[in-house]
Amino acid sequence: MTGGESGPEREPGPGRLGWTGVVLVAAAGALAALLEAFLVPLYAGSVIIPVSVLLAVVGNVVLPRMARALVPRTGASLAPLVTWLLVMLGLLIGRPEGDVAFPGAPRAAEWTFYGTLFGGVLAGLAAVALSVPPPARREDFSR
C-alpha cells in the first residue's frame, strides 16, 4: 500500500465492558431458572398457576436478545440460555436423601414443569436463531 491508503477498517471489538455485561446477563439467566423452578408448584387454593411457563418463555426471549445487544456474537446470545438450561437440568438431579426440586405429583405440576423446560428452551433457541443477522450477499462479478 502507498502512503495515503489504509487497509480495510475493522470494527472495534465489544471490549471488556460488553463481555462483563454478557456475564451478568448469563447470571441473570441462572437466577431466572432458579426462580422459575421454585414457581413450578405455585397454587392458588387448589388450582395450579403455571406462571413459571410464562416467565421461562419471556425470560429466554429477552435475555439472549439483551446479550446480543451487548456483544453482537451468537455465543453471547447463547450464554444466558445455556446457564438457564444448566440450572434447570442441575435441579433435576435428586439428592441422596430423595429430595427433588420438581414435584412428580400431581400431574398438573408435572406438566407445568415440562412446559417450563421445553417452552423455555424453544423460546430461547428461537430468540438466538432470530437474532443472527442474515449472511451478507455476495455480488457475482464473473459475468
Protein backbone atom coordinates (compact mmCIF):
# COMPACT_ATOMS: atom_id res chain seq x y z
CA MET A 1 0.00 0.00 0.00
CA THR A 2 1.07 3.53 -0.59
CA GLY A 3 1.28 6.38 1.91
CA GLY A 4 -2.36 7.63 1.98
CA GLU A 5 -4.13 4.28 1.73
CA SER A 6 -5.07 2.13 4.62
CA GLY A 7 -6.33 -1.42 4.83
CA PRO A 8 -9.96 -2.31 5.36
CA GLU A 9 -11.21 -0.76 8.56
CA ARG A 10 -12.05 -3.22 11.27
CA GLU A 11 -14.84 -2.57 13.68
CA PRO A 12 -13.68 -2.43 17.26
CA GLY A 13 -14.49 -5.49 19.33
CA PRO A 14 -17.07 -5.50 22.10
CA GLY A 15 -14.47 -4.91 24.80
CA ARG A 16 -14.41 -5.84 28.44
CA LEU A 17 -17.50 -3.90 29.35
CA GLY A 18 -19.62 -5.73 26.77
CA TRP A 19 -18.42 -9.15 27.88
CA THR A 20 -18.92 -8.20 31.53
CA GLY A 21 -22.49 -7.36 30.64
CA VAL A 22 -22.91 -10.74 28.94
CA VAL A 23 -21.63 -12.48 32.07
CA LEU A 24 -24.16 -10.54 34.16
CA VAL A 25 -26.97 -11.39 31.73
CA ALA A 26 -25.93 -15.07 31.88
CA ALA A 27 -26.02 -14.89 35.69
CA ALA A 28 -29.50 -13.39 35.41
CA GLY A 29 -30.44 -16.40 33.27
CA ALA A 30 -29.27 -18.74 36.02
CA LEU A 31 -31.21 -16.81 38.67
CA ALA A 32 -34.29 -16.78 36.43
CA ALA A 33 -34.09 -20.56 36.13
CA LEU A 34 -33.88 -20.90 39.91
CA LEU A 35 -36.90 -18.64 40.40
CA GLU A 36 -38.91 -20.41 37.71
CA ALA A 37 -38.04 -23.82 39.15
CA PHE A 38 -39.41 -22.86 42.54
CA LEU A 39 -42.54 -21.36 40.99
CA VAL A 40 -43.48 -24.59 39.19
CA PRO A 41 -45.70 -25.82 42.06
CA LEU A 42 -47.44 -22.46 42.58
CA TYR A 43 -51.05 -22.86 43.65
CA ALA A 44 -53.95 -20.51 44.24
CA GLY A 45 -56.12 -22.60 46.51
CA SER A 46 -56.32 -25.99 44.79
CA VAL A 47 -55.63 -24.68 41.27
CA ILE A 48 -52.09 -24.66 39.88
CA ILE A 49 -50.93 -21.36 38.37
CA PRO A 50 -48.41 -22.02 35.54
CA VAL A 51 -46.67 -18.65 35.87
CA SER A 52 -43.27 -20.33 35.54
CA VAL A 53 -44.03 -21.23 31.91
CA LEU A 54 -44.73 -17.60 31.07
CA LEU A 55 -41.59 -16.43 32.90
CA ALA A 56 -39.44 -19.04 31.14
CA VAL A 57 -40.68 -18.09 27.68
CA VAL A 58 -40.42 -14.33 28.22
CA GLY A 59 -37.09 -14.55 30.03
CA ASN A 60 -35.49 -16.76 27.42
CA VAL A 61 -36.55 -14.40 24.65
CA VAL A 62 -35.42 -11.22 26.40
CA LEU A 63 -32.09 -12.36 27.91
CA PRO A 64 -30.45 -13.69 24.70
CA ARG A 65 -31.52 -10.54 22.84
CA MET A 66 -30.06 -8.41 25.62
CA ALA A 67 -26.76 -10.31 25.47
CA ARG A 68 -26.71 -9.99 21.68
CA ALA A 69 -27.21 -6.23 22.01
CA LEU A 70 -24.17 -6.03 24.30
CA VAL A 71 -21.90 -8.26 22.18
CA PRO A 72 -23.03 -8.93 18.60
CA ARG A 73 -21.98 -12.57 18.52
CA THR A 74 -24.02 -15.76 18.59
CA GLY A 75 -22.01 -17.13 21.51
CA ALA A 76 -23.00 -14.13 23.59
CA SER A 77 -26.68 -14.69 22.90
CA LEU A 78 -26.34 -18.38 23.76
CA ALA A 79 -24.76 -17.69 27.18
CA PRO A 80 -27.97 -16.88 29.12
CA LEU A 81 -29.81 -19.82 27.55
CA VAL A 82 -27.01 -22.24 28.41
CA THR A 83 -26.79 -21.09 32.03
CA TRP A 84 -30.59 -21.27 32.33
CA LEU A 85 -30.59 -24.80 30.95
CA LEU A 86 -27.69 -25.94 33.17
CA VAL A 87 -29.52 -24.76 36.28
CA MET A 88 -32.79 -26.38 35.23
CA LEU A 89 -31.08 -29.69 34.42
CA GLY A 90 -29.00 -29.48 37.58
CA LEU A 91 -32.16 -29.20 39.65
CA LEU A 92 -33.45 -32.41 38.06
CA ILE A 93 -30.78 -34.41 39.83
CA GLY A 94 -32.15 -35.73 43.09
CA ARG A 95 -30.23 -35.69 46.33
CA PRO A 96 -29.16 -38.89 48.11
CA GLU A 97 -31.98 -38.34 50.65
CA GLY A 98 -34.50 -38.43 47.82
CA ASP A 99 -35.26 -34.70 47.78
CA VAL A 100 -36.12 -33.24 44.38
CA ALA A 101 -36.81 -29.67 43.29
CA PHE A 102 -39.61 -30.53 40.86
CA PRO A 103 -42.73 -32.33 42.05
CA GLY A 104 -43.75 -35.54 40.32
CA ALA A 105 -47.32 -35.36 41.53
CA PRO A 106 -49.95 -34.10 40.93
CA ARG A 107 -49.96 -34.30 37.16
CA ALA A 108 -50.64 -30.56 36.77
CA ALA A 109 -47.33 -29.69 38.46
CA GLU A 110 -45.55 -32.24 36.27
CA TRP A 111 -46.97 -30.71 33.09
CA THR A 112 -46.12 -27.23 34.34
CA PHE A 113 -42.51 -28.34 34.72
CA TYR A 114 -42.47 -29.78 31.19
CA GLY A 115 -43.99 -26.57 29.84
CA THR A 116 -41.39 -24.52 31.68
CA LEU A 117 -38.46 -26.61 30.47
CA PHE A 118 -39.47 -27.14 26.86
CA GLY A 119 -41.16 -23.77 26.42
CA GLY A 120 -38.09 -22.01 27.79
CA VAL A 121 -35.68 -23.96 25.60
CA LEU A 122 -37.74 -23.48 22.43
CA ALA A 123 -38.26 -19.76 23.09
CA GLY A 124 -34.55 -19.31 23.82
CA LEU A 125 -33.44 -21.16 20.69
CA ALA A 126 -35.89 -19.15 18.60
CA ALA A 127 -34.56 -15.91 20.09
CA VAL A 128 -30.96 -16.92 19.36
CA ALA A 129 -31.77 -18.06 15.82
CA LEU A 130 -33.74 -14.92 15.01
CA SER A 131 -31.06 -12.62 16.42
CA VAL A 132 -28.42 -13.89 13.98
CA PRO A 133 -28.14 -11.45 11.08
CA PRO A 134 -28.56 -12.87 7.59
CA PRO A 135 -25.36 -13.57 5.66
CA ALA A 136 -24.04 -10.76 3.52
CA ARG A 137 -24.97 -11.02 -0.14
CA ARG A 138 -22.08 -11.56 -2.46
CA GLU A 139 -22.01 -9.86 -5.79
CA ASP A 140 -21.40 -12.10 -8.75
CA PHE A 141 -18.55 -10.49 -10.69
CA SER A 142 -17.99 -13.43 -13.05
CA ARG A 143 -20.26 -12.00 -15.77
